[in-house]
Amino acid sequence: MSFRQLATAAGLAALALYLWGLLQLMGAIMSAEDGGTDSSPLVPCRPANWWYDERALSVTDYSVDFFPLRFVCETKGGGSFVADAVPGYVNPGVEVLALVAVGCRGAALFQGERPGDRLT
């Protein structure tokens, strides 16, 4: 297997993992925007036993970051905390796979594999 093939595989794996995390994040956004009787505090901002957690009870809004993927719960007084909406392995996994893809692509160029070469 050539470095170009490894770079392509790592890049596709990074993209797939990012899309998985994005799907989880979109689910959290849909849950937060649901409203209704069980909407306060926001569902994604509720840890286990949230009725004992002062942070969860003081959530006023949320924001979303796409790089890295995260759902941020904003609290009264200007504080915030990151909810567990996106699995913890997603962001580090995307970073590592992207670095592997870039490294393999650099190694392919260093080794002399040109972009027009066949992938055999």
PDB file of N, CA and C in Angstrom:
ATOM      1  N   MET A   1       0.852  -1.172   0.000  1.00  0.00           N
ATOM      2  CA  MET A   1       0.000   0.000   0.000  1.00  0.00           C
ATOM      3  C   MET A   1       0.899   1.237   0.000  1.00  0.00           C
ATOM      4  N   SER A   2       0.584   2.187  -0.854  1.00  0.00           N
ATOM      5  CA  SER A   2       1.420   3.384  -0.971  1.00  0.00           C
ATOM      6  C   SER A   2       1.018   4.431   0.059  1.00  0.00           C
ATOM      7  N   PHE A   3       1.882   5.415   0.213  1.00  0.00           N
ATOM      8  CA  PHE A   3       1.583   6.503   1.136  1.00  0.00           C
ATOM      9  C   PHE A   3       0.357   7.292   0.682  1.00  0.00           C
ATOM     10  N   ARG A   4       0.176   7.423  -0.628  1.00  0.00           N
ATOM     11  CA  ARG A   4      -1.006   8.125  -1.131  1.00  0.00           C
ATOM     12  C   ARG A   4      -2.278   7.385  -0.739  1.00  0.00           C
ATOM     13  N   GLN A   5      -2.257   6.080  -0.828  1.00  0.00           N
ATOM     14  CA  GLN A   5      -3.426   5.302  -0.442  1.00  0.00           C
ATOM     15  C   GLN A   5      -3.687   5.415   1.057  1.00  0.00           C
ATOM     16  N   LEU A   6      -2.626   5.379   1.851  1.00  0.00           N
ATOM     17  CA  LEU A   6      -2.782   5.560   3.295  1.00  0.00           C
ATOM     18  C   LEU A   6      -3.326   6.943   3.629  1.00  0.00           C
ATOM     19  N   ALA A   7      -2.836   7.967   2.921  1.00  0.00           N
ATOM     20  CA  ALA A   7      -3.317   9.327   3.143  1.00  0.00           C
ATOM     21  C   ALA A   7      -4.794   9.431   2.809  1.00  0.00           C
ATOM     22  N   THR A   8      -5.196   8.815   1.711  1.00  0.00           N
ATOM     23  CA  THR A   8      -6.604   8.838   1.316  1.00  0.00           C
ATOM     24  C   THR A   8      -7.466   8.110   2.338  1.00  0.00           C
ATOM     25  N   ALA A   9      -7.015   6.949   2.779  1.00  0.00           N
ATOM     26  CA  ALA A   9      -7.777   6.174   3.760  1.00  0.00           C
ATOM     27  C   ALA A   9      -7.899   6.933   5.080  1.00  0.00           C
ATOM     28  N   ALA A  10      -6.817   7.531   5.546  1.00  0.00           N
ATOM     29  CA  ALA A  10      -6.861   8.281   6.806  1.00  0.00           C
ATOM     30  C   ALA A  10      -7.744   9.514   6.665  1.00  0.00           C
ATOM     31  N   GLY A  11      -7.683  10.181   5.528  1.00  0.00           N
ATOM     32  CA  GLY A  11      -8.532  11.346   5.305  1.00  0.00           C
ATOM     33  C   GLY A  11     -10.009  10.984   5.277  1.00  0.00           C
ATOM     34  N   LEU A  12     -10.339   9.877   4.620  1.00  0.00           N
ATOM     35  CA  LEU A  12     -11.728   9.435   4.590  1.00  0.00           C
ATOM     36  C   LEU A  12     -12.209   9.001   5.977  1.00  0.00           C
ATOM     37  N   ALA A  13     -11.332   8.359   6.734  1.00  0.00           N
ATOM     38  CA  ALA A  13     -11.695   7.960   8.098  1.00  0.00           C
ATOM     39  C   ALA A  13     -11.917   9.188   8.981  1.00  0.00           C
ATOM     40  N   ALA A  14     -11.085  10.211   8.819  1.00  0.00           N
ATOM     41  CA  ALA A  14     -11.260  11.455   9.581  1.00  0.00           C
ATOM     42  C   ALA A  14     -12.584  12.115   9.221  1.00  0.00           C
ATOM     43  N   LEU A  15     -12.909  12.134   7.946  1.00  0.00           N
ATOM     44  CA  LEU A  15     -14.173  12.717   7.499  1.00  0.00           C
ATOM     45  C   LEU A  15     -15.361  11.941   8.056  1.00  0.00           C
ATOM     46  N   ALA A  16     -15.294  10.622   8.008  1.00  0.00           N
ATOM     47  CA  ALA A  16     -16.384   9.792   8.528  1.00  0.00           C
ATOM     48  C   ALA A  16     -16.573  10.004  10.026  1.00  0.00           C
ATOM     49  N   LEU A  17     -15.483  10.077  10.771  1.00  0.00           N
ATOM     50  CA  LEU A  17     -15.570  10.294  12.216  1.00  0.00           C
ATOM     51  C   LEU A  17     -16.129  11.677  12.527  1.00  0.00           C
ATOM     52  N   TYR A  18     -15.715  12.687  11.757  1.00  0.00           N
ATOM     53  CA  TYR A  18     -16.248  14.038  11.955  1.00  0.00           C
ATOM     54  C   TYR A  18     -17.751  14.065  11.675  1.00  0.00           C
ATOM     55  N   LEU A  19     -18.185  13.394  10.605  1.00  0.00           N
ATOM     56  CA  LEU A  19     -19.610  13.350  10.286  1.00  0.00           C
ATOM     57  C   LEU A  19     -20.407  12.631  11.368  1.00  0.00           C
ATOM     58  N   TRP A  20     -19.828  11.602  11.960  1.00  0.00           N
ATOM     59  CA  TRP A  20     -20.477  10.909  13.083  1.00  0.00           C
ATOM     60  C   TRP A  20     -20.665  11.871  14.260  1.00  0.00           C
ATOM     61  N   GLY A  21     -19.631  12.623  14.591  1.00  0.00           N
ATOM     62  CA  GLY A  21     -19.738  13.605  15.665  1.00  0.00           C
ATOM     63  C   GLY A  21     -20.732  14.699  15.330  1.00  0.00           C
ATOM     64  N   LEU A  22     -20.758  15.131  14.067  1.00  0.00           N
ATOM     65  CA  LEU A  22     -21.702  16.150  13.631  1.00  0.00           C
ATOM     66  C   LEU A  22     -23.134  15.649  13.753  1.00  0.00           C
ATOM     67  N   LEU A  23     -23.354  14.393  13.445  1.00  0.00           N
ATOM     68  CA  LEU A  23     -24.681  13.796  13.605  1.00  0.00           C
ATOM     69  C   LEU A  23     -25.108  13.822  15.076  1.00  0.00           C
ATOM     70  N   GLN A  24     -24.197  13.499  15.973  1.00  0.00           N
ATOM     71  CA  GLN A  24     -24.492  13.547  17.407  1.00  0.00           C
ATOM     72  C   GLN A  24     -24.815  14.977  17.847  1.00  0.00           C
ATOM     73  N   LEU A  25     -24.048  15.940  17.330  1.00  0.00           N
ATOM     74  CA  LEU A  25     -24.255  17.348  17.667  1.00  0.00           C
ATOM     75  C   LEU A  25     -25.608  17.838  17.152  1.00  0.00           C
ATOM     76  N   MET A  26     -25.969  17.456  15.946  1.00  0.00           N
ATOM     77  CA  MET A  26     -27.265  17.858  15.393  1.00  0.00           C
ATOM     78  C   MET A  26     -28.415  17.260  16.210  1.00  0.00           C
ATOM     79  N   GLY A  27     -28.249  16.050  16.699  1.00  0.00           N
ATOM     80  CA  GLY A  27     -29.250  15.453  17.574  1.00  0.00           C
ATOM     81  C   GLY A  27     -29.414  16.250  18.859  1.00  0.00           C
ATOM     82  N   ALA A  28     -28.305  16.729  19.415  1.00  0.00           N
ATOM     83  CA  ALA A  28     -28.373  17.541  20.629  1.00  0.00           C
ATOM     84  C   ALA A  28     -29.060  18.874  20.355  1.00  0.00           C
ATOM     85  N   ILE A  29     -28.793  19.472  19.196  1.00  0.00           N
ATOM     86  CA  ILE A  29     -29.438  20.736  18.844  1.00  0.00           C
ATOM     87  C   ILE A  29     -30.943  20.529  18.692  1.00  0.00           C
ATOM     88  N   MET A  30     -31.330  19.452  18.021  1.00  0.00           N
ATOM     89  CA  MET A  30     -32.763  19.175  17.869  1.00  0.00           C
ATOM     90  C   MET A  30     -33.426  18.963  19.226  1.00  0.00           C
ATOM     91  N   SER A  31     -32.737  18.290  20.118  1.00  0.00           N
ATOM     92  CA  SER A  31     -33.274  18.060  21.455  1.00  0.00           C
ATOM     93  C   SER A  31     -33.391  19.370  22.235  1.00  0.00           C
ATOM     94  N   ALA A  32     -32.409  20.259  22.078  1.00  0.00           N
ATOM     95  CA  ALA A  32     -32.437  21.533  22.791  1.00  0.00           C
ATOM     96  C   ALA A  32     -33.527  22.453  22.254  1.00  0.00           C
ATOM     97  N   GLU A  33     -33.807  22.362  20.978  1.00  0.00           N
ATOM     98  CA  GLU A  33     -34.809  23.226  20.352  1.00  0.00           C
ATOM     99  C   GLU A  33     -36.225  22.661  20.460  1.00  0.00           C
ATOM    100  N   ASP A  34     -36.385  21.500  21.045  1.00  0.00           N
ATOM    101  CA  ASP A  34     -37.669  20.821  21.090  1.00  0.00           C
ATOM    102  C   ASP A  34     -38.719  21.615  21.862  1.00  0.00           C
ATOM    103  N   GLY A  35     -38.368  22.194  23.005  1.00  0.00           N
ATOM    104  CA  GLY A  35     -39.352  22.915  23.815  1.00  0.00           C
ATOM    105  C   GLY A  35     -40.305  21.954  24.495  1.00  0.00           C
ATOM    106  N   GLY A  36     -41.390  22.472  25.012  1.00  0.00           N
ATOM    107  CA  GLY A  36     -42.385  21.622  25.652  1.00  0.00           C
ATOM    108  C   GLY A  36     -42.199  21.543  27.161  1.00  0.00           C
ATOM    109  N   THR A  37     -42.897  20.609  27.772  1.00  0.00           N
ATOM    110  CA  THR A  37     -42.923  20.530  29.223  1.00  0.00           C
ATOM    111  C   THR A  37     -41.606  20.091  29.845  1.00  0.00           C
ATOM    112  N   ASP A  38     -40.848  19.272  29.168  1.00  0.00           N
ATOM    113  CA  ASP A  38     -39.599  18.757  29.745  1.00  0.00           C
ATOM    114  C   ASP A  38     -38.382  19.423  29.103  1.00  0.00           C
ATOM    115  N   SER A  39     -38.445  20.735  28.890  1.00  0.00           N
ATOM    116  CA  SER A  39     -37.377  21.398  28.151  1.00  0.00           C
ATOM    117  C   SER A  39     -36.483  22.275  29.017  1.00  0.00           C
ATOM    118  N   SER A  40     -36.734  22.340  30.302  1.00  0.00           N
ATOM    119  CA  SER A  40     -35.898  23.187  31.154  1.00  0.00           C
ATOM    120  C   SER A  40     -35.423  22.370  32.344  1.00  0.00           C
ATOM    121  N   PRO A  41     -34.133  22.272  32.556  1.00  0.00           N
ATOM    122  CA  PRO A  41     -33.047  22.781  31.737  1.00  0.00           C
ATOM    123  C   PRO A  41     -32.927  22.014  30.420  1.00  0.00           C
ATOM    124  N   LEU A  42     -32.156  22.562  29.498  1.00  0.00           N
ATOM    125  CA  LEU A  42     -32.000  21.937  28.190  1.00  0.00           C
ATOM    126  C   LEU A  42     -31.551  20.493  28.345  1.00  0.00           C
ATOM    127  N   VAL A  43     -32.145  19.603  27.594  1.00  0.00           N
ATOM    128  CA  VAL A  43     -31.877  18.168  27.722  1.00  0.00           C
ATOM    129  C   VAL A  43     -30.389  17.830  27.532  1.00  0.00           C
ATOM    130  N   PRO A  44     -29.695  18.379  26.509  1.00  0.00           N
ATOM    131  CA  PRO A  44     -28.274  18.028  26.362  1.00  0.00           C
ATOM    132  C   PRO A  44     -27.393  18.534  27.512  1.00  0.00           C
ATOM    133  N   CYS A  45     -27.885  19.499  28.273  1.00  0.00           N
ATOM    134  CA  CYS A  45     -27.102  20.065  29.380  1.00  0.00           C
ATOM    135  C   CYS A  45     -27.334  19.346  30.697  1.00  0.00           C
ATOM    136  N   ARG A  46     -28.113  18.276  30.678  1.00  0.00           N
ATOM    137  CA  ARG A  46     -28.422  17.536  31.902  1.00  0.00           C
ATOM    138  C   ARG A  46     -27.467  16.371  32.104  1.00  0.00           C
ATOM    139  N   PRO A  47     -26.646  16.435  33.118  1.00  0.00           N
ATOM    140  CA  PRO A  47     -25.856  15.240  33.452  1.00  0.00           C
ATOM    141  C   PRO A  47     -26.738  14.265  34.234  1.00  0.00           C
ATOM    142  N   ALA A  48     -26.196  13.106  34.552  1.00  0.00           N
ATOM    143  CA  ALA A  48     -26.934  12.175  35.408  1.00  0.00           C
ATOM    144  C   ALA A  48     -27.189  12.878  36.746  1.00  0.00           C
ATOM    145  N   ASN A  49     -28.351  12.664  37.319  1.00  0.00           N
ATOM    146  CA  ASN A  49     -28.753  13.313  38.573  1.00  0.00           C
ATOM    147  C   ASN A  49     -28.694  14.836  38.456  1.00  0.00           C
ATOM    148  N   TRP A  50     -29.184  15.377  37.338  1.00  0.00           N
ATOM    149  CA  TRP A  50     -29.087  16.805  37.072  1.00  0.00           C
ATOM    150  C   TRP A  50     -29.841  17.657  38.089  1.00  0.00           C
ATOM    151  N   TRP A  51     -30.815  17.095  38.771  1.00  0.00           N
ATOM    152  CA  TRP A  51     -31.577  17.897  39.732  1.00  0.00           C
ATOM    153  C   TRP A  51     -30.750  18.293  40.937  1.00  0.00           C
ATOM    154  N   TYR A  52     -29.560  17.662  41.096  1.00  0.00           N
ATOM    155  CA  TYR A  52     -28.644  18.052  42.161  1.00  0.00           C
ATOM    156  C   TYR A  52     -27.534  18.969  41.651  1.00  0.00           C
ATOM    157  N   ASP A  53     -27.447  19.159  40.369  1.00  0.00           N
ATOM    158  CA  ASP A  53     -26.348  19.914  39.762  1.00  0.00           C
ATOM    159  C   ASP A  53     -26.762  21.369  39.555  1.00  0.00           C
ATOM    160  N   GLU A  54     -26.123  22.268  40.290  1.00  0.00           N
ATOM    161  CA  GLU A  54     -26.447  23.698  40.188  1.00  0.00           C
ATOM    162  C   GLU A  54     -26.175  24.250  38.798  1.00  0.00           C
ATOM    163  N   ARG A  55     -25.119  23.742  38.128  1.00  0.00           N
ATOM    164  CA  ARG A  55     -24.826  24.229  36.780  1.00  0.00           C
ATOM    165  C   ARG A  55     -25.978  23.926  35.844  1.00  0.00           C
ATOM    166  N   ALA A  56     -26.485  22.724  35.894  1.00  0.00           N
ATOM    167  CA  ALA A  56     -27.574  22.334  34.994  1.00  0.00           C
ATOM    168  C   ALA A  56     -28.833  23.145  35.266  1.00  0.00           C
ATOM    169  N   LEU A  57     -29.072  23.453  36.528  1.00  0.00           N
ATOM    170  CA  LEU A  57     -30.271  24.215  36.872  1.00  0.00           C
ATOM    171  C   LEU A  57     -30.164  25.683  36.482  1.00  0.00           C
ATOM    172  N   SER A  58     -28.949  26.178  36.224  1.00  0.00           N
ATOM    173  CA  SER A  58     -28.782  27.589  35.877  1.00  0.00           C
ATOM    174  C   SER A  58     -28.516  27.811  34.388  1.00  0.00           C
ATOM    175  N   VAL A  59     -28.773  26.814  33.548  1.00  0.00           N
ATOM    176  CA  VAL A  59     -28.558  26.948  32.104  1.00  0.00           C
ATOM    177  C   VAL A  59     -29.600  27.901  31.524  1.00  0.00           C
ATOM    178  N   THR A  60     -29.119  28.873  30.738  1.00  0.00           N
ATOM    179  CA  THR A  60     -30.016  29.836  30.100  1.00  0.00           C
ATOM    180  C   THR A  60     -30.048  29.698  28.578  1.00  0.00           C
ATOM    181  N   ASP A  61     -28.984  29.233  27.979  1.00  0.00           N
ATOM    182  CA  ASP A  61     -28.910  29.137  26.524  1.00  0.00           C
ATOM    183  C   ASP A  61     -27.803  28.152  26.158  1.00  0.00           C
ATOM    184  N   TYR A  62     -27.539  28.028  24.876  1.00  0.00           N
ATOM    185  CA  TYR A  62     -26.458  27.159  24.415  1.00  0.00           C
ATOM    186  C   TYR A  62     -25.815  27.757  23.183  1.00  0.00           C
ATOM    187  N   SER A  63     -24.622  27.287  22.892  1.00  0.00           N
ATOM    188  CA  SER A  63     -23.942  27.626  21.639  1.00  0.00           C
ATOM    189  C   SER A  63     -23.283  26.352  21.125  1.00  0.00           C
ATOM    190  N   VAL A  64     -22.901  26.390  19.854  1.00  0.00           N
ATOM    191  CA  VAL A  64     -22.332  25.214  19.205  1.00  0.00           C
ATOM    192  C   VAL A  64     -21.018  25.610  18.557  1.00  0.00           C
ATOM    193  N   ASP A  65     -19.997  24.790  18.720  1.00  0.00           N
ATOM    194  CA  ASP A  65     -18.717  24.971  18.032  1.00  0.00           C
ATOM    195  C   ASP A  65     -18.548  23.804  17.067  1.00  0.00           C
ATOM    196  N   PHE A  66     -18.090  24.120  15.852  1.00  0.00           N
ATOM    197  CA  PHE A  66     -17.903  23.074  14.851  1.00  0.00           C
ATOM    198  C   PHE A  66     -16.455  22.618  14.721  1.00  0.00           C
ATOM    199  N   PHE A  67     -15.497  23.398  15.213  1.00  0.00           N
ATOM    200  CA  PHE A  67     -14.081  23.015  15.213  1.00  0.00           C
ATOM    201  C   PHE A  67     -13.474  23.409  16.538  1.00  0.00           C
ATOM    202  N   PRO A  68     -13.342  22.576  17.506  1.00  0.00           N
ATOM    203  CA  PRO A  68     -13.783  21.190  17.587  1.00  0.00           C
ATOM    204  C   PRO A  68     -15.291  21.116  17.804  1.00  0.00           C
ATOM    205  N   LEU A  69     -15.863  19.963  17.529  1.00  0.00           N
ATOM    206  CA  LEU A  69     -17.298  19.762  17.714  1.00  0.00           C
ATOM    207  C   LEU A  69     -17.622  19.764  19.200  1.00  0.00           C
ATOM    208  N   ARG A  70     -18.514  20.679  19.601  1.00  0.00           N
ATOM    209  CA  ARG A  70     -18.945  20.666  20.994  1.00  0.00           C
ATOM    210  C   ARG A  70     -20.221  21.472  21.178  1.00  0.00           C
ATOM    211  N   PHE A  71     -20.990  21.085  22.162  1.00  0.00           N
ATOM    212  CA  PHE A  71     -22.234  21.720  22.550  1.00  0.00           C
ATOM    213  C   PHE A  71     -21.954  22.417  23.873  1.00  0.00           C
ATOM    214  N   VAL A  72     -22.022  23.733  23.892  1.00  0.00           N
ATOM    215  CA  VAL A  72     -21.665  24.516  25.070  1.00  0.00           C
ATOM    216  C   VAL A  72     -22.938  25.037  25.734  1.00  0.00           C
ATOM    217  N   CYS A  73     -23.125  24.709  26.987  1.00  0.00           N
ATOM    218  CA  CYS A  73     -24.268  25.184  27.763  1.00  0.00           C
ATOM    219  C   CYS A  73     -23.864  26.469  28.471  1.00  0.00           C
ATOM    220  N   GLU A  74     -24.627  27.534  28.248  1.00  0.00           N
ATOM    221  CA  GLU A  74     -24.334  28.827  28.862  1.00  0.00           C
ATOM    222  C   GLU A  74     -25.211  28.998  30.099  1.00  0.00           C
ATOM    223  N   THR A  75     -24.613  29.466  31.188  1.00  0.00           N
ATOM    224  CA  THR A  75     -25.313  29.576  32.457  1.00  0.00           C
ATOM    225  C   THR A  75     -25.496  31.031  32.860  1.00  0.00           C
ATOM    226  N   LYS A  76     -26.325  31.232  33.889  1.00  0.00           N
ATOM    227  CA  LYS A  76     -26.533  32.582  34.432  1.00  0.00           C
ATOM    228  C   LYS A  76     -25.207  33.145  34.898  1.00  0.00           C
ATOM    229  N   GLY A  77     -25.000  34.424  34.741  1.00  0.00           N
ATOM    230  CA  GLY A  77     -23.770  35.058  35.197  1.00  0.00           C
ATOM    231  C   GLY A  77     -22.638  34.967  34.189  1.00  0.00           C
ATOM    232  N   GLY A  78     -22.902  34.478  33.003  1.00  0.00           N
ATOM    233  CA  GLY A  78     -21.875  34.440  31.971  1.00  0.00           C
ATOM    234  C   GLY A  78     -20.996  33.209  31.951  1.00  0.00           C
ATOM    235  N   GLY A  79     -21.263  32.230  32.777  1.00  0.00           N
ATOM    236  CA  GLY A  79     -20.471  31.003  32.785  1.00  0.00           C
ATOM    237  C   GLY A  79     -20.916  30.042  31.691  1.00  0.00           C
ATOM    238  N   SER A  80     -20.164  28.987  31.525  1.00  0.00           N
ATOM    239  CA  SER A  80     -20.529  27.972  30.539  1.00  0.00           C
ATOM    240  C   SER A  80     -19.826  26.665  30.867  1.00  0.00           C
ATOM    241  N   PHE A  81     -20.333  25.585  30.294  1.00  0.00           N
ATOM    242  CA  PHE A  81     -19.681  24.288  30.383  1.00  0.00           C
ATOM    243  C   PHE A  81     -20.020  23.481  29.142  1.00  0.00           C
ATOM    244  N   VAL A  82     -19.164  22.535  28.816  1.00  0.00           N
ATOM    245  CA  VAL A  82     -19.346  21.704  27.626  1.00  0.00           C
ATOM    246  C   VAL A  82     -20.143  20.464  28.005  1.00  0.00           C
ATOM    247  N   ALA A  83     -21.222  20.242  27.276  1.00  0.00           N
ATOM    248  CA  ALA A  83     -22.066  19.066  27.513  1.00  0.00           C
ATOM    249  C   ALA A  83     -21.438  17.842  26.852  1.00  0.00           C
ATOM    250  N   ASP A  84     -21.909  16.683  27.232  1.00  0.00           N
ATOM    251  CA  ASP A  84     -21.396  15.421  26.684  1.00  0.00           C
ATOM    252  C   ASP A  84     -22.164  14.993  25.439  1.00  0.00           C
ATOM    253  N   ALA A  85     -22.580  15.941  24.604  1.00  0.00           N
ATOM    254  CA  ALA A  85     -23.375  15.621  23.415  1.00  0.00           C
ATOM    255  C   ALA A  85     -22.550  14.911  22.354  1.00  0.00           C
ATOM    256  N   VAL A  86     -21.289  15.278  22.226  1.00  0.00           N
ATOM    257  CA  VAL A  86     -20.397  14.655  21.241  1.00  0.00           C
ATOM    258  C   VAL A  86     -19.492  13.682  21.998  1.00  0.00           C
ATOM    259  N   PRO A  87     -19.406  12.431  21.562  1.00  0.00           N
ATOM    260  CA  PRO A  87     -18.542  11.468  22.265  1.00  0.00           C
ATOM    261  C   PRO A  87     -17.103  11.974  22.379  1.00  0.00           C
ATOM    262  N   GLY A  88     -16.475  11.676  23.483  1.00  0.00           N
ATOM    263  CA  GLY A  88     -15.141  12.183  23.773  1.00  0.00           C
ATOM    264  C   GLY A  88     -14.048  11.740  22.819  1.00  0.00           C
ATOM    265  N   TYR A  89     -14.251  10.662  22.090  1.00  0.00           N
ATOM    266  CA  TYR A  89     -13.222  10.164  21.174  1.00  0.00           C
ATOM    267  C   TYR A  89     -13.261  10.851  19.816  1.00  0.00           C
ATOM    268  N   VAL A  90     -14.318  11.595  19.500  1.00  0.00           N
ATOM    269  CA  VAL A  90     -14.485  12.136  18.155  1.00  0.00           C
ATOM    270  C   VAL A  90     -13.426  13.179  17.814  1.00  0.00           C
ATOM    271  N   ASN A  91     -13.303  14.232  18.607  1.00  0.00           N
ATOM    272  CA  ASN A  91     -12.365  15.313  18.276  1.00  0.00           C
ATOM    273  C   ASN A  91     -10.910  14.859  18.256  1.00  0.00           C
ATOM    274  N   PRO A  92     -10.433  14.126  19.274  1.00  0.00           N
ATOM    275  CA  PRO A  92      -9.046  13.648  19.182  1.00  0.00           C
ATOM    276  C   PRO A  92      -8.831  12.684  18.018  1.00  0.00           C
ATOM    277  N   GLY A  93      -9.819  11.843  17.740  1.00  0.00           N
ATOM    278  CA  GLY A  93      -9.693  10.906  16.627  1.00  0.00           C
ATOM    279  C   GLY A  93      -9.600  11.616  15.285  1.00  0.00           C
ATOM    280  N   VAL A  94     -10.419  12.650  15.104  1.00  0.00           N
ATOM    281  CA  VAL A  94     -10.369  13.423  13.856  1.00  0.00           C
ATOM    282  C   VAL A  94      -9.012  14.094  13.714  1.00  0.00           C
ATOM    283  N   GLU A  95      -8.511  14.666  14.800  1.00  0.00           N
ATOM    284  CA  GLU A  95      -7.203  15.341  14.753  1.00  0.00           C
ATOM    285  C   GLU A  95      -6.088  14.373  14.385  1.00  0.00           C
ATOM    286  N   VAL A  96      -6.067  13.216  15.024  1.00  0.00           N
ATOM    287  CA  VAL A  96      -5.004  12.234  14.757  1.00  0.00           C
ATOM    288  C   VAL A  96      -5.089  11.723  13.324  1.00  0.00           C
ATOM    289  N   LEU A  97      -6.286  11.381  12.877  1.00  0.00           N
ATOM    290  CA  LEU A  97      -6.430  10.873  11.512  1.00  0.00           C
ATOM    291  C   LEU A  97      -6.073  11.934  10.474  1.00  0.00           C
ATOM    292  N   ALA A  98      -6.427  13.183  10.730  1.00  0.00           N
ATOM    293  CA  ALA A  98      -6.060  14.258   9.800  1.00  0.00           C
ATOM    294  C   ALA A  98      -4.549  14.446   9.755  1.00  0.00           C
ATOM    295  N   LEU A  99      -3.891  14.375  10.914  1.00  0.00           N
ATOM    296  CA  LEU A  99      -2.430  14.492  10.941  1.00  0.00           C
ATOM    297  C   LEU A  99      -1.765  13.316  10.226  1.00  0.00           C
ATOM    298  N   VAL A 100      -2.304  12.127  10.397  1.00  0.00           N
ATOM    299  CA  VAL A 100      -1.771  10.960   9.693  1.00  0.00           C
ATOM    300  C   VAL A 100      -1.933  11.133   8.188  1.00  0.00           C
ATOM    301  N   ALA A 101      -3.081  11.644   7.763  1.00  0.00           N
ATOM    302  CA  ALA A 101      -3.319  11.865   6.336  1.00  0.00           C
ATOM    303  C   ALA A 101      -2.335  12.871   5.764  1.00  0.00           C
ATOM    304  N   VAL A 102      -2.127  13.969   6.477  1.00  0.00           N
ATOM    305  CA  VAL A 102      -1.182  14.990   6.007  1.00  0.00           C
ATOM    306  C   VAL A 102       0.247  14.438   6.004  1.00  0.00           C
ATOM    307  N   GLY A 103       0.610  13.701   7.046  1.00  0.00           N
ATOM    308  CA  GLY A 103       1.946  13.112   7.115  1.00  0.00           C
ATOM    309  C   GLY A 103       2.193  12.107   6.002  1.00  0.00           C
ATOM    310  N   CYS A 104       1.215  11.267   5.732  1.00  0.00           N
ATOM    311  CA  CYS A 104       1.370  10.284   4.645  1.00  0.00           C
ATOM    312  C   CYS A 104       1.431  10.961   3.283  1.00  0.00           C
ATOM    313  N   ARG A 105       0.665  12.012   3.122  1.00  0.00           N
ATOM    314  CA  ARG A 105       0.714  12.743   1.853  1.00  0.00           C
ATOM    315  C   ARG A 105       2.079  13.394   1.671  1.00  0.00           C
ATOM    316  N   GLY A 106       2.612  13.965   2.754  1.00  0.00           N
ATOM    317  CA  GLY A 106       3.959  14.538   2.690  1.00  0.00           C
ATOM    318  C   GLY A 106       5.006  13.480   2.396  1.00  0.00           C
ATOM    319  N   ALA A 107       4.869  12.309   3.009  1.00  0.00           N
ATOM    320  CA  ALA A 107       5.806  11.213   2.760  1.00  0.00           C
ATOM    321  C   ALA A 107       5.710  10.738   1.316  1.00  0.00           C
ATOM    322  N   ALA A 108       4.494  10.736   0.770  1.00  0.00           N
ATOM    323  CA  ALA A 108       4.327  10.332  -0.628  1.00  0.00           C
ATOM    324  C   ALA A 108       5.024  11.310  -1.560  1.00  0.00           C
ATOM    325  N   LEU A 109       4.897  12.581  -1.273  1.00  0.00           N
ATOM    326  CA  LEU A 109       5.573  13.580  -2.103  1.00  0.00           C
ATOM    327  C   LEU A 109       7.092  13.476  -1.960  1.00  0.00           C
ATOM    328  N   PHE A 110       7.552  13.231  -0.733  1.00  0.00           N
ATOM    329  CA  PHE A 110       8.978  13.094  -0.477  1.00  0.00           C
ATOM    330  C   PHE A 110       9.543  11.848  -1.170  1.00  0.00           C
ATOM    331  N   GLN A 111       8.744  10.806  -1.191  1.00  0.00           N
ATOM    332  CA  GLN A 111       9.167   9.552  -1.802  1.00  0.00           C
ATOM    333  C   GLN A 111       9.130   9.629  -3.331  1.00  0.00           C
ATOM    334  N   GLY A 112       8.457  10.617  -3.847  1.00  0.00           N
ATOM    335  CA  GLY A 112       8.427  10.797  -5.291  1.00  0.00           C
ATOM    336  C   GLY A 112       7.148  10.374  -5.957  1.00  0.00           C
ATOM    337  N   GLU A 113       6.119  10.077  -5.185  1.00  0.00           N
ATOM    338  CA  GLU A 113       4.829   9.743  -5.772  1.00  0.00           C
ATOM    339  C   GLU A 113       4.158  11.045  -6.203  1.00  0.00           C
ATOM    340  N   ARG A 114       3.931  11.180  -7.475  1.00  0.00           N
ATOM    341  CA  ARG A 114       3.315  12.403  -7.995  1.00  0.00           C
ATOM    342  C   ARG A 114       1.791  12.247  -8.027  1.00  0.00           C
ATOM    343  N   PRO A 115       1.070  13.379  -8.007  1.00  0.00           N
ATOM    344  CA  PRO A 115      -0.393  13.294  -8.027  1.00  0.00           C
ATOM    345  C   PRO A 115      -0.951  12.543  -9.231  1.00  0.00           C
ATOM    346  N   GLY A 116      -0.266  12.534 -10.363  1.00  0.00           N
ATOM    347  CA  GLY A 116      -0.753  11.836 -11.549  1.00  0.00           C
ATOM    348  C   GLY A 116      -0.428  10.363 -11.596  1.00  0.00           C
ATOM    349  N   ASP A 117       0.385   9.877 -10.633  1.00  0.00           N
ATOM    350  CA  ASP A 117       0.755   8.454 -10.614  1.00  0.00           C
ATOM    351  C   ASP A 117      -0.474   7.592 -10.338  1.00  0.00           C
ATOM    352  N   ARG A 118      -0.452   6.385 -10.865  1.00  0.00           N
ATOM    353  CA  ARG A 118      -1.552   5.452 -10.634  1.00  0.00           C
ATOM    354  C   ARG A 118      -1.537   4.934  -9.208  1.00  0.00           C
ATOM    355  N   LEU A 119      -2.704   4.640  -8.669  1.00  0.00           N
ATOM    356  CA  LEU A 119      -2.818   4.095  -7.321  1.00  0.00           C
ATOM    357  C   LEU A 119      -2.860   2.578  -7.381  1.00  0.00           C
ATOM    358  N   THR A 120      -1.761   1.968  -7.742  1.00  0.00           N
ATOM    359  CA  THR A 120      -1.717   0.500  -7.818  1.00  0.00           C
ATOM    360  C   THR A 120      -0.814  -0.076  -6.776  1.00  0.00           C
TER     361      THR A 120
END
